[in-house]
Amino acid sequence: MFGNIKIGSIPIGESQMQYVVFGKGSRPLVIIPGLSDGLRTVKGTGLILWYLYQKFAIAFQVWIFSHKNKLKSQMTTREMAKEQALPMDKLKLNKAYIMGVSQGG
């Protein structure tokens, strides 16, 4: 059974940040993907991501964010992490569990 997959984007400055959200739980779990996210963002991958993380979707509302679609040159991972907080604040995910995958950790 699929977990009510929703795909969205949120403005970050002059750019957009794509996200996928699914799950039955009331507690938010934010998953931050690794640098391979630059090769393919979460846009259009909701079903694949649900399949990979479906066990978490039982207890959590799972949020998976891409980096914003317009990165400045020579951006550091520290700067990317700070920008990750912006959509979380806008979406009121202030009390969330966080899981980083690969370089996202």
PDB file of N, CA and C in Angstrom:
ATOM      1  N   MET A   1       0.840  -1.173   0.000  1.00  0.00           N
ATOM      2  CA  MET A   1       0.000   0.000   0.000  1.00  0.00           C
ATOM      3  C   MET A   1       0.891   1.245   0.000  1.00  0.00           C
ATOM      4  N   PHE A   2       0.603   2.172  -0.874  1.00  0.00           N
ATOM      5  CA  PHE A   2       1.419   3.368  -1.019  1.00  0.00           C
ATOM      6  C   PHE A   2       1.049   4.383   0.052  1.00  0.00           C
ATOM      7  N   GLY A   3       2.021   5.184   0.455  1.00  0.00           N
ATOM      8  CA  GLY A   3       1.882   6.044   1.619  1.00  0.00           C
ATOM      9  C   GLY A   3       1.520   7.476   1.363  1.00  0.00           C
ATOM     10  N   ASN A   4       0.514   7.764   0.551  1.00  0.00           N
ATOM     11  CA  ASN A   4       0.052   9.131   0.356  1.00  0.00           C
ATOM     12  C   ASN A   4       1.207  10.064  -0.010  1.00  0.00           C
ATOM     13  N   ILE A   5       1.850   9.799  -1.115  1.00  0.00           N
ATOM     14  CA  ILE A   5       3.039  10.536  -1.565  1.00  0.00           C
ATOM     15  C   ILE A   5       2.629  11.903  -2.104  1.00  0.00           C
ATOM     16  N   LYS A   6       3.293  12.941  -1.600  1.00  0.00           N
ATOM     17  CA  LYS A   6       3.076  14.302  -2.095  1.00  0.00           C
ATOM     18  C   LYS A   6       4.424  14.867  -2.522  1.00  0.00           C
ATOM     19  N   ILE A   7       4.406  15.597  -3.623  1.00  0.00           N
ATOM     20  CA  ILE A   7       5.618  16.217  -4.150  1.00  0.00           C
ATOM     21  C   ILE A   7       5.390  17.721  -4.164  1.00  0.00           C
ATOM     22  N   GLY A   8       6.398  18.466  -3.745  1.00  0.00           N
ATOM     23  CA  GLY A   8       6.247  19.907  -3.726  1.00  0.00           C
ATOM     24  C   GLY A   8       7.568  20.618  -3.888  1.00  0.00           C
ATOM     25  N   SER A   9       7.498  21.925  -3.880  1.00  0.00           N
ATOM     26  CA  SER A   9       8.700  22.753  -3.888  1.00  0.00           C
ATOM     27  C   SER A   9       8.405  23.989  -3.068  1.00  0.00           C
ATOM     28  N   ILE A  10       9.469  24.553  -2.559  1.00  0.00           N
ATOM     29  CA  ILE A  10       9.328  25.735  -1.716  1.00  0.00           C
ATOM     30  C   ILE A  10      10.388  26.752  -2.155  1.00  0.00           C
ATOM     31  N   PRO A  11      10.008  28.031  -2.252  1.00  0.00           N
ATOM     32  CA  PRO A  11      10.993  29.035  -2.676  1.00  0.00           C
ATOM     33  C   PRO A  11      12.048  29.290  -1.603  1.00  0.00           C
ATOM     34  N   ILE A  12      13.287  29.343  -2.047  1.00  0.00           N
ATOM     35  CA  ILE A  12      14.428  29.681  -1.192  1.00  0.00           C
ATOM     36  C   ILE A  12      15.193  30.775  -1.930  1.00  0.00           C
ATOM     37  N   GLY A  13      15.002  31.996  -1.518  1.00  0.00           N
ATOM     38  CA  GLY A  13      15.627  33.123  -2.219  1.00  0.00           C
ATOM     39  C   GLY A  13      15.133  33.179  -3.655  1.00  0.00           C
ATOM     40  N   GLU A  14      16.066  33.172  -4.600  1.00  0.00           N
ATOM     41  CA  GLU A  14      15.711  33.198  -6.020  1.00  0.00           C
ATOM     42  C   GLU A  14      15.663  31.794  -6.612  1.00  0.00           C
ATOM     43  N   SER A  15      15.573  30.795  -5.780  1.00  0.00           N
ATOM     44  CA  SER A  15      15.623  29.412  -6.206  1.00  0.00           C
ATOM     45  C   SER A  15      14.435  28.639  -5.625  1.00  0.00           C
ATOM     46  N   GLN A  16      14.399  27.346  -5.894  1.00  0.00           N
ATOM     47  CA  GLN A  16      13.370  26.444  -5.378  1.00  0.00           C
ATOM     48  C   GLN A  16      14.047  25.226  -4.763  1.00  0.00           C
ATOM     49  N   MET A  17      13.414  24.653  -3.764  1.00  0.00           N
ATOM     50  CA  MET A  17      13.881  23.400  -3.182  1.00  0.00           C
ATOM     51  C   MET A  17      12.743  22.390  -3.312  1.00  0.00           C
ATOM     52  N   GLN A  18      13.014  21.281  -3.998  1.00  0.00           N
ATOM     53  CA  GLN A  18      12.031  20.223  -4.199  1.00  0.00           C
ATOM     54  C   GLN A  18      11.985  19.328  -2.965  1.00  0.00           C
ATOM     55  N   TYR A  19      10.803  18.761  -2.703  1.00  0.00           N
ATOM     56  CA  TYR A  19      10.693  17.805  -1.610  1.00  0.00           C
ATOM     57  C   TYR A  19       9.622  16.769  -1.920  1.00  0.00           C
ATOM     58  N   VAL A  20       9.722  15.647  -1.223  1.00  0.00           N
ATOM     59  CA  VAL A  20       8.727  14.580  -1.261  1.00  0.00           C
ATOM     60  C   VAL A  20       8.342  14.317   0.180  1.00  0.00           C
ATOM     61  N   VAL A  21       7.056  14.098   0.430  1.00  0.00           N
ATOM     62  CA  VAL A  21       6.593  13.772   1.775  1.00  0.00           C
ATOM     63  C   VAL A  21       5.598  12.622   1.687  1.00  0.00           C
ATOM     64  N   PHE A  22       5.694  11.685   2.620  1.00  0.00           N
ATOM     65  CA  PHE A  22       4.788  10.549   2.683  1.00  0.00           C
ATOM     66  C   PHE A  22       4.810   9.972   4.086  1.00  0.00           C
ATOM     67  N   GLY A  23       3.877   9.122   4.370  1.00  0.00           N
ATOM     68  CA  GLY A  23       3.856   8.418   5.645  1.00  0.00           C
ATOM     69  C   GLY A  23       2.587   8.643   6.428  1.00  0.00           C
ATOM     70  N   LYS A  24       2.368   7.756   7.378  1.00  0.00           N
ATOM     71  CA  LYS A  24       1.152   7.759   8.185  1.00  0.00           C
ATOM     72  C   LYS A  24       1.357   8.345   9.575  1.00  0.00           C
ATOM     73  N   GLY A  25       2.602   8.466   9.997  1.00  0.00           N
ATOM     74  CA  GLY A  25       2.879   8.915  11.358  1.00  0.00           C
ATOM     75  C   GLY A  25       2.665  10.399  11.543  1.00  0.00           C
ATOM     76  N   SER A  26       2.598  10.800  12.805  1.00  0.00           N
ATOM     77  CA  SER A  26       2.422  12.223  13.112  1.00  0.00           C
ATOM     78  C   SER A  26       3.750  12.916  13.381  1.00  0.00           C
ATOM     79  N   ARG A  27       4.802  12.150  13.668  1.00  0.00           N
ATOM     80  CA  ARG A  27       6.116  12.733  13.950  1.00  0.00           C
ATOM     81  C   ARG A  27       6.882  12.927  12.642  1.00  0.00           C
ATOM     82  N   PRO A  28       7.432  14.115  12.392  1.00  0.00           N
ATOM     83  CA  PRO A  28       8.192  14.331  11.164  1.00  0.00           C
ATOM     84  C   PRO A  28       9.607  13.762  11.234  1.00  0.00           C
ATOM     85  N   LEU A  29      10.012  13.094  10.171  1.00  0.00           N
ATOM     86  CA  LEU A  29      11.382  12.622   9.972  1.00  0.00           C
ATOM     87  C   LEU A  29      11.888  13.262   8.699  1.00  0.00           C
ATOM     88  N   VAL A  30      12.940  14.069   8.797  1.00  0.00           N
ATOM     89  CA  VAL A  30      13.526  14.729   7.633  1.00  0.00           C
ATOM     90  C   VAL A  30      14.751  13.924   7.214  1.00  0.00           C
ATOM     91  N   ILE A  31      14.756  13.490   5.957  1.00  0.00           N
ATOM     92  CA  ILE A  31      15.894  12.765   5.401  1.00  0.00           C
ATOM     93  C   ILE A  31      16.615  13.695   4.438  1.00  0.00           C
ATOM     94  N   ILE A  32      17.917  13.862   4.674  1.00  0.00           N
ATOM     95  CA  ILE A  32      18.732  14.722   3.819  1.00  0.00           C
ATOM     96  C   ILE A  32      19.615  13.819   2.971  1.00  0.00           C
ATOM     97  N   PRO A  33      19.396  13.815   1.643  1.00  0.00           N
ATOM     98  CA  PRO A  33      20.181  12.929   0.780  1.00  0.00           C
ATOM     99  C   PRO A  33      21.619  13.403   0.631  1.00  0.00           C
ATOM    100  N   GLY A  34      22.430  12.548   0.074  1.00  0.00           N
ATOM    101  CA  GLY A  34      23.833  12.857  -0.153  1.00  0.00           C
ATOM    102  C   GLY A  34      24.043  13.735  -1.376  1.00  0.00           C
ATOM    103  N   LEU A  35      25.290  13.904  -1.748  1.00  0.00           N
ATOM    104  CA  LEU A  35      25.635  14.778  -2.871  1.00  0.00           C
ATOM    105  C   LEU A  35      25.163  14.240  -4.209  1.00  0.00           C
ATOM    106  N   SER A  36      24.820  12.956  -4.296  1.00  0.00           N
ATOM    107  CA  SER A  36      24.286  12.426  -5.556  1.00  0.00           C
ATOM    108  C   SER A  36      22.953  13.076  -5.900  1.00  0.00           C
ATOM    109  N   ASP A  37      22.357  13.768  -4.940  1.00  0.00           N
ATOM    110  CA  ASP A  37      21.126  14.512  -5.191  1.00  0.00           C
ATOM    111  C   ASP A  37      21.329  15.520  -6.320  1.00  0.00           C
ATOM    112  N   GLY A  38      22.559  15.951  -6.537  1.00  0.00           N
ATOM    113  CA  GLY A  38      22.854  16.866  -7.637  1.00  0.00           C
ATOM    114  C   GLY A  38      22.719  16.209  -8.999  1.00  0.00           C
ATOM    115  N   LEU A  39      22.795  14.880  -9.033  1.00  0.00           N
ATOM    116  CA  LEU A  39      22.625  14.157 -10.294  1.00  0.00           C
ATOM    117  C   LEU A  39      21.157  13.960 -10.637  1.00  0.00           C
ATOM    118  N   ARG A  40      20.359  13.752  -9.604  1.00  0.00           N
ATOM    119  CA  ARG A  40      18.916  13.589  -9.788  1.00  0.00           C
ATOM    120  C   ARG A  40      18.241  14.020  -8.498  1.00  0.00           C
ATOM    121  N   THR A  41      17.400  15.024  -8.579  1.00  0.00           N
ATOM    122  CA  THR A  41      16.722  15.515  -7.384  1.00  0.00           C
ATOM    123  C   THR A  41      15.544  14.607  -7.045  1.00  0.00           C
ATOM    124  N   VAL A  42      14.817  14.928  -6.001  1.00  0.00           N
ATOM    125  CA  VAL A  42      13.692  14.107  -5.578  1.00  0.00           C
ATOM    126  C   VAL A  42      12.481  14.249  -6.506  1.00  0.00           C
ATOM    127  N   LYS A  43      12.501  15.248  -7.364  1.00  0.00           N
ATOM    128  CA  LYS A  43      11.376  15.458  -8.282  1.00  0.00           C
ATOM    129  C   LYS A  43      11.163  14.210  -9.144  1.00  0.00           C
ATOM    130  N   GLY A  44       9.962  13.675  -9.094  1.00  0.00           N
ATOM    131  CA  GLY A  44       9.618  12.508  -9.900  1.00  0.00           C
ATOM    132  C   GLY A  44      10.073  11.182  -9.309  1.00  0.00           C
ATOM    133  N   THR A  45      10.563  11.188  -8.074  1.00  0.00           N
ATOM    134  CA  THR A  45      11.073   9.947  -7.478  1.00  0.00           C
ATOM    135  C   THR A  45      10.285   9.528  -6.235  1.00  0.00           C
ATOM    136  N   GLY A  46       9.103  10.056  -6.057  1.00  0.00           N
ATOM    137  CA  GLY A  46       8.317   9.780  -4.862  1.00  0.00           C
ATOM    138  C   GLY A  46       8.085   8.303  -4.603  1.00  0.00           C
ATOM    139  N   LEU A  47       7.712   7.557  -5.614  1.00  0.00           N
ATOM    140  CA  LEU A  47       7.438   6.131  -5.440  1.00  0.00           C
ATOM    141  C   LEU A  47       8.707   5.356  -5.080  1.00  0.00           C
ATOM    142  N   ILE A  48       9.813   5.692  -5.726  1.00  0.00           N
ATOM    143  CA  ILE A  48      11.097   5.039  -5.415  1.00  0.00           C
ATOM    144  C   ILE A  48      11.501   5.335  -3.973  1.00  0.00           C
ATOM    145  N   LEU A  49      11.392   6.599  -3.567  1.00  0.00           N
ATOM    146  CA  LEU A  49      11.765   6.970  -2.206  1.00  0.00           C
ATOM    147  C   LEU A  49      10.842   6.321  -1.179  1.00  0.00           C
ATOM    148  N   TRP A  50       9.552   6.262  -1.483  1.00  0.00           N
ATOM    149  CA  TRP A  50       8.621   5.572  -0.591  1.00  0.00           C
ATOM    150  C   TRP A  50       9.041   4.115  -0.425  1.00  0.00           C
ATOM    151  N   TYR A  51       9.402   3.463  -1.529  1.00  0.00           N
ATOM    152  CA  TYR A  51       9.812   2.062  -1.467  1.00  0.00           C
ATOM    153  C   TYR A  51      11.055   1.894  -0.577  1.00  0.00           C
ATOM    154  N   LEU A  52      12.020   2.779  -0.727  1.00  0.00           N
ATOM    155  CA  LEU A  52      13.260   2.697   0.052  1.00  0.00           C
ATOM    156  C   LEU A  52      13.042   2.943   1.545  1.00  0.00           C
ATOM    157  N   TYR A  53      12.129   3.845   1.870  1.00  0.00           N
ATOM    158  CA  TYR A  53      11.960   4.279   3.258  1.00  0.00           C
ATOM    159  C   TYR A  53      10.580   3.952   3.830  1.00  0.00           C
ATOM    160  N   GLN A  54       9.886   2.985   3.241  1.00  0.00           N
ATOM    161  CA  GLN A  54       8.517   2.688   3.666  1.00  0.00           C
ATOM    162  C   GLN A  54       8.415   2.234   5.120  1.00  0.00           C
ATOM    163  N   LYS A  55       9.447   1.599   5.660  1.00  0.00           N
ATOM    164  CA  LYS A  55       9.394   1.176   7.064  1.00  0.00           C
ATOM    165  C   LYS A  55       9.306   2.376   8.003  1.00  0.00           C
ATOM    166  N   PHE A  56       9.944   3.481   7.628  1.00  0.00           N
ATOM    167  CA  PHE A  56       9.857   4.699   8.433  1.00  0.00           C
ATOM    168  C   PHE A  56       8.471   5.330   8.330  1.00  0.00           C
ATOM    169  N   ALA A  57       7.788   5.105   7.205  1.00  0.00           N
ATOM    170  CA  ALA A  57       6.497   5.745   6.944  1.00  0.00           C
ATOM    171  C   ALA A  57       5.384   5.225   7.841  1.00  0.00           C
ATOM    172  N   ILE A  58       5.626   4.154   8.558  1.00  0.00           N
ATOM    173  CA  ILE A  58       4.622   3.631   9.484  1.00  0.00           C
ATOM    174  C   ILE A  58       4.523   4.538  10.711  1.00  0.00           C
ATOM    175  N   ALA A  59       5.654   4.947  11.240  1.00  0.00           N
ATOM    176  CA  ALA A  59       5.679   5.743  12.471  1.00  0.00           C
ATOM    177  C   ALA A  59       5.886   7.234  12.239  1.00  0.00           C
ATOM    178  N   PHE A  60       6.322   7.611  11.032  1.00  0.00           N
ATOM    179  CA  PHE A  60       6.692   9.000  10.773  1.00  0.00           C
ATOM    180  C   PHE A  60       6.000   9.552   9.532  1.00  0.00           C
ATOM    181  N   GLN A  61       5.960  10.860   9.467  1.00  0.00           N
ATOM    182  CA  GLN A  61       5.693  11.568   8.230  1.00  0.00           C
ATOM    183  C   GLN A  61       7.078  11.889   7.682  1.00  0.00           C
ATOM    184  N   VAL A  62       7.458  11.253   6.592  1.00  0.00           N
ATOM    185  CA  VAL A  62       8.820  11.328   6.061  1.00  0.00           C
ATOM    186  C   VAL A  62       8.915  12.474   5.049  1.00  0.00           C
ATOM    187  N   TRP A  63       9.866  13.361   5.257  1.00  0.00           N
ATOM    188  CA  TRP A  63      10.150  14.483   4.361  1.00  0.00           C
ATOM    189  C   TRP A  63      11.545  14.275   3.787  1.00  0.00           C
ATOM    190  N   ILE A  64      11.680  14.322   2.468  1.00  0.00           N
ATOM    191  CA  ILE A  64      12.985  14.212   1.828  1.00  0.00           C
ATOM    192  C   ILE A  64      13.167  15.438   0.936  1.00  0.00           C
ATOM    193  N   PHE A  65      14.208  16.197   1.222  1.00  0.00           N
ATOM    194  CA  PHE A  65      14.478  17.449   0.513  1.00  0.00           C
ATOM    195  C   PHE A  65      15.680  17.299  -0.412  1.00  0.00           C
ATOM    196  N   SER A  66      15.583  17.907  -1.585  1.00  0.00           N
ATOM    197  CA  SER A  66      16.757  18.090  -2.439  1.00  0.00           C
ATOM    198  C   SER A  66      17.430  19.392  -2.023  1.00  0.00           C
ATOM    199  N   HIS A  67      18.629  19.608  -2.542  1.00  0.00           N
ATOM    200  CA  HIS A  67      19.215  20.939  -2.354  1.00  0.00           C
ATOM    201  C   HIS A  67      18.469  21.901  -3.269  1.00  0.00           C
ATOM    202  N   LYS A  68      18.646  23.182  -3.089  1.00  0.00           N
ATOM    203  CA  LYS A  68      17.947  24.127  -3.958  1.00  0.00           C
ATOM    204  C   LYS A  68      18.470  23.980  -5.381  1.00  0.00           C
ATOM    205  N   ASN A  69      17.674  24.366  -6.354  1.00  0.00           N
ATOM    206  CA  ASN A  69      18.025  24.087  -7.748  1.00  0.00           C
ATOM    207  C   ASN A  69      19.018  25.070  -8.364  1.00  0.00           C
ATOM    208  N   LYS A  70      19.372  26.120  -7.666  1.00  0.00           N
ATOM    209  CA  LYS A  70      20.397  27.045  -8.146  1.00  0.00           C
ATOM    210  C   LYS A  70      21.425  27.245  -7.042  1.00  0.00           C
ATOM    211  N   LEU A  71      22.497  26.468  -7.103  1.00  0.00           N
ATOM    212  CA  LEU A  71      23.558  26.588  -6.113  1.00  0.00           C
ATOM    213  C   LEU A  71      24.613  27.572  -6.594  1.00  0.00           C
ATOM    214  N   LYS A  72      25.155  28.340  -5.665  1.00  0.00           N
ATOM    215  CA  LYS A  72      26.253  29.219  -6.051  1.00  0.00           C
ATOM    216  C   LYS A  72      27.521  28.369  -6.201  1.00  0.00           C
ATOM    217  N   SER A  73      28.451  28.851  -6.988  1.00  0.00           N
ATOM    218  CA  SER A  73      29.693  28.101  -7.175  1.00  0.00           C
ATOM    219  C   SER A  73      30.484  28.081  -5.871  1.00  0.00           C
ATOM    220  N   GLN A  74      31.185  26.995  -5.651  1.00  0.00           N
ATOM    221  CA  GLN A  74      32.016  26.790  -4.469  1.00  0.00           C
ATOM    222  C   GLN A  74      31.227  26.853  -3.165  1.00  0.00           C
ATOM    223  N   MET A  75      30.003  26.372  -3.196  1.00  0.00           N
ATOM    224  CA  MET A  75      29.177  26.333  -1.995  1.00  0.00           C
ATOM    225  C   MET A  75      29.650  25.203  -1.091  1.00  0.00           C
ATOM    226  N   THR A  76      29.739  25.461   0.193  1.00  0.00           N
ATOM    227  CA  THR A  76      30.200  24.444   1.128  1.00  0.00           C
ATOM    228  C   THR A  76      29.025  23.617   1.652  1.00  0.00           C
ATOM    229  N   THR A  77      29.333  22.452   2.193  1.00  0.00           N
ATOM    230  CA  THR A  77      28.279  21.629   2.790  1.00  0.00           C
ATOM    231  C   THR A  77      27.699  22.323   4.026  1.00  0.00           C
ATOM    232  N   ARG A  78      28.499  23.107   4.710  1.00  0.00           N
ATOM    233  CA  ARG A  78      27.990  23.875   5.857  1.00  0.00           C
ATOM    234  C   ARG A  78      26.921  24.871   5.396  1.00  0.00           C
ATOM    235  N   GLU A  79      27.173  25.555   4.281  1.00  0.00           N
ATOM    236  CA  GLU A  79      26.182  26.495   3.745  1.00  0.00           C
ATOM    237  C   GLU A  79      24.926  25.764   3.284  1.00  0.00           C
ATOM    238  N   MET A  80      25.114  24.592   2.678  1.00  0.00           N
ATOM    239  CA  MET A  80      23.962  23.793   2.248  1.00  0.00           C
ATOM    240  C   MET A  80      23.125  23.367   3.457  1.00  0.00           C
ATOM    241  N   ALA A  81      23.775  23.023   4.553  1.00  0.00           N
ATOM    242  CA  ALA A  81      23.058  22.626   5.768  1.00  0.00           C
ATOM    243  C   ALA A  81      22.246  23.791   6.330  1.00  0.00           C
ATOM    244  N   LYS A  82      22.830  24.987   6.315  1.00  0.00           N
ATOM    245  CA  LYS A  82      22.095  26.165   6.791  1.00  0.00           C
ATOM    246  C   LYS A  82      20.863  26.420   5.929  1.00  0.00           C
ATOM    247  N   GLU A  83      21.012  26.232   4.623  1.00  0.00           N
ATOM    248  CA  GLU A  83      19.874  26.437   3.728  1.00  0.00           C
ATOM    249  C   GLU A  83      18.798  25.377   3.927  1.00  0.00           C
ATOM    250  N   GLN A  84      19.177  24.204   4.386  1.00  0.00           N
ATOM    251  CA  GLN A  84      18.197  23.151   4.644  1.00  0.00           C
ATOM    252  C   GLN A  84      17.224  23.566   5.745  1.00  0.00           C
ATOM    253  N   ALA A  85      17.684  24.369   6.680  1.00  0.00           N
ATOM    254  CA  ALA A  85      16.820  24.820   7.770  1.00  0.00           C
ATOM    255  C   ALA A  85      15.717  25.756   7.278  1.00  0.00           C
ATOM    256  N   LEU A  86      15.937  26.467   6.177  1.00  0.00           N
ATOM    257  CA  LEU A  86      14.951  27.440   5.694  1.00  0.00           C
ATOM    258  C   LEU A  86      13.617  26.792   5.329  1.00  0.00           C
ATOM    259  N   PRO A  87      13.585  25.759   4.478  1.00  0.00           N
ATOM    260  CA  PRO A  87      12.273  25.164   4.169  1.00  0.00           C
ATOM    261  C   PRO A  87      11.663  24.461   5.383  1.00  0.00           C
ATOM    262  N   MET A  88      12.507  23.929   6.249  1.00  0.00           N
ATOM    263  CA  MET A  88      11.979  23.291   7.460  1.00  0.00           C
ATOM    264  C   MET A  88      11.251  24.323   8.321  1.00  0.00           C
ATOM    265  N   ASP A  89      11.807  25.524   8.444  1.00  0.00           N
ATOM    266  CA  ASP A  89      11.133  26.595   9.181  1.00  0.00           C
ATOM    267  C   ASP A  89       9.835  26.997   8.494  1.00  0.00           C
ATOM    268  N   LYS A  90       9.884  27.163   7.170  1.00  0.00           N
ATOM    269  CA  LYS A  90       8.690  27.578   6.424  1.00  0.00           C
ATOM    270  C   LYS A  90       7.571  26.546   6.519  1.00  0.00           C
ATOM    271  N   LEU A  91       7.940  25.265   6.568  1.00  0.00           N
ATOM    272  CA  LEU A  91       6.950  24.189   6.639  1.00  0.00           C
ATOM    273  C   LEU A  91       6.630  23.789   8.085  1.00  0.00           C
ATOM    274  N   LYS A  92       7.169  24.562   9.034  1.00  0.00           N
ATOM    275  CA  LYS A  92       6.938  24.341  10.465  1.00  0.00           C
ATOM    276  C   LYS A  92       7.373  22.946  10.924  1.00  0.00           C
ATOM    277  N   LEU A  93       8.545  22.534  10.451  1.00  0.00           N
ATOM    278  CA  LEU A  93       9.153  21.273  10.871  1.00  0.00           C
ATOM    279  C   LEU A  93      10.228  21.560  11.914  1.00  0.00           C
ATOM    280  N   ASN A  94       9.854  22.309  12.925  1.00  0.00           N
ATOM    281  CA  ASN A  94      10.813  22.758  13.934  1.00  0.00           C
ATOM    282  C   ASN A  94      11.229  21.648  14.893  1.00  0.00           C
ATOM    283  N   LYS A  95      10.362  20.688  15.120  1.00  0.00           N
ATOM    284  CA  LYS A  95      10.674  19.558  16.003  1.00  0.00           C
ATOM    285  C   LYS A  95      10.591  18.290  15.169  1.00  0.00           C
ATOM    286  N   ALA A  96      11.683  17.978  14.497  1.00  0.00           N
ATOM    287  CA  ALA A  96      11.716  16.830  13.596  1.00  0.00           C
ATOM    288  C   ALA A  96      12.920  15.960  13.912  1.00  0.00           C
ATOM    289  N   TYR A  97      12.783  14.692  13.635  1.00  0.00           N
ATOM    290  CA  TYR A  97      13.924  13.787  13.644  1.00  0.00           C
ATOM    291  C   TYR A  97      14.663  14.014  12.327  1.00  0.00           C
ATOM    292  N   ILE A  98      15.982  13.952  12.353  1.00  0.00           N
ATOM    293  CA  ILE A  98      16.794  14.208  11.157  1.00  0.00           C
ATOM    294  C   ILE A  98      17.656  12.999  10.878  1.00  0.00           C
ATOM    295  N   MET A  99      17.687  12.577   9.606  1.00  0.00           N
ATOM    296  CA  MET A  99      18.565  11.495   9.194  1.00  0.00           C
ATOM    297  C   MET A  99      19.294  11.930   7.929  1.00  0.00           C
ATOM    298  N   GLY A 100      20.613  11.937   7.977  1.00  0.00           N
ATOM    299  CA  GLY A 100      21.415  12.260   6.807  1.00  0.00           C
ATOM    300  C   GLY A 100      21.911  10.996   6.137  1.00  0.00           C
ATOM    301  N   VAL A 101      21.851  10.957   4.830  1.00  0.00           N
ATOM    302  CA  VAL A 101      22.321   9.818   4.054  1.00  0.00           C
ATOM    303  C   VAL A 101      23.619  10.215   3.360  1.00  0.00           C
ATOM    304  N   SER A 102      24.654   9.437   3.532  1.00  0.00           N
ATOM    305  CA  SER A 102      25.949   9.667   2.907  1.00  0.00           C
ATOM    306  C   SER A 102      26.453  11.050   3.298  1.00  0.00           C
ATOM    307  N   GLN A 103      26.802  11.891   2.338  1.00  0.00           N
ATOM    308  CA  GLN A 103      27.306  13.228   2.637  1.00  0.00           C
ATOM    309  C   GLN A 103      26.241  14.102   3.287  1.00  0.00           C
ATOM    310  N   GLY A 104      24.969  13.761   3.140  1.00  0.00           N
ATOM    311  CA  GLY A 104      23.904  14.474   3.828  1.00  0.00           C
ATOM    312  C   GLY A 104      23.975  14.313   5.327  1.00  0.00           C
ATOM    313  N   GLY A 105      24.750  13.322   5.787  1.00  0.00           N
ATOM    314  CA  GLY A 105      24.897  13.083   7.225  1.00  0.00           C
ATOM    315  C   GLY A 105      25.909  14.015   7.818  1.00  0.00           C
TER     316      GLY A 105
END
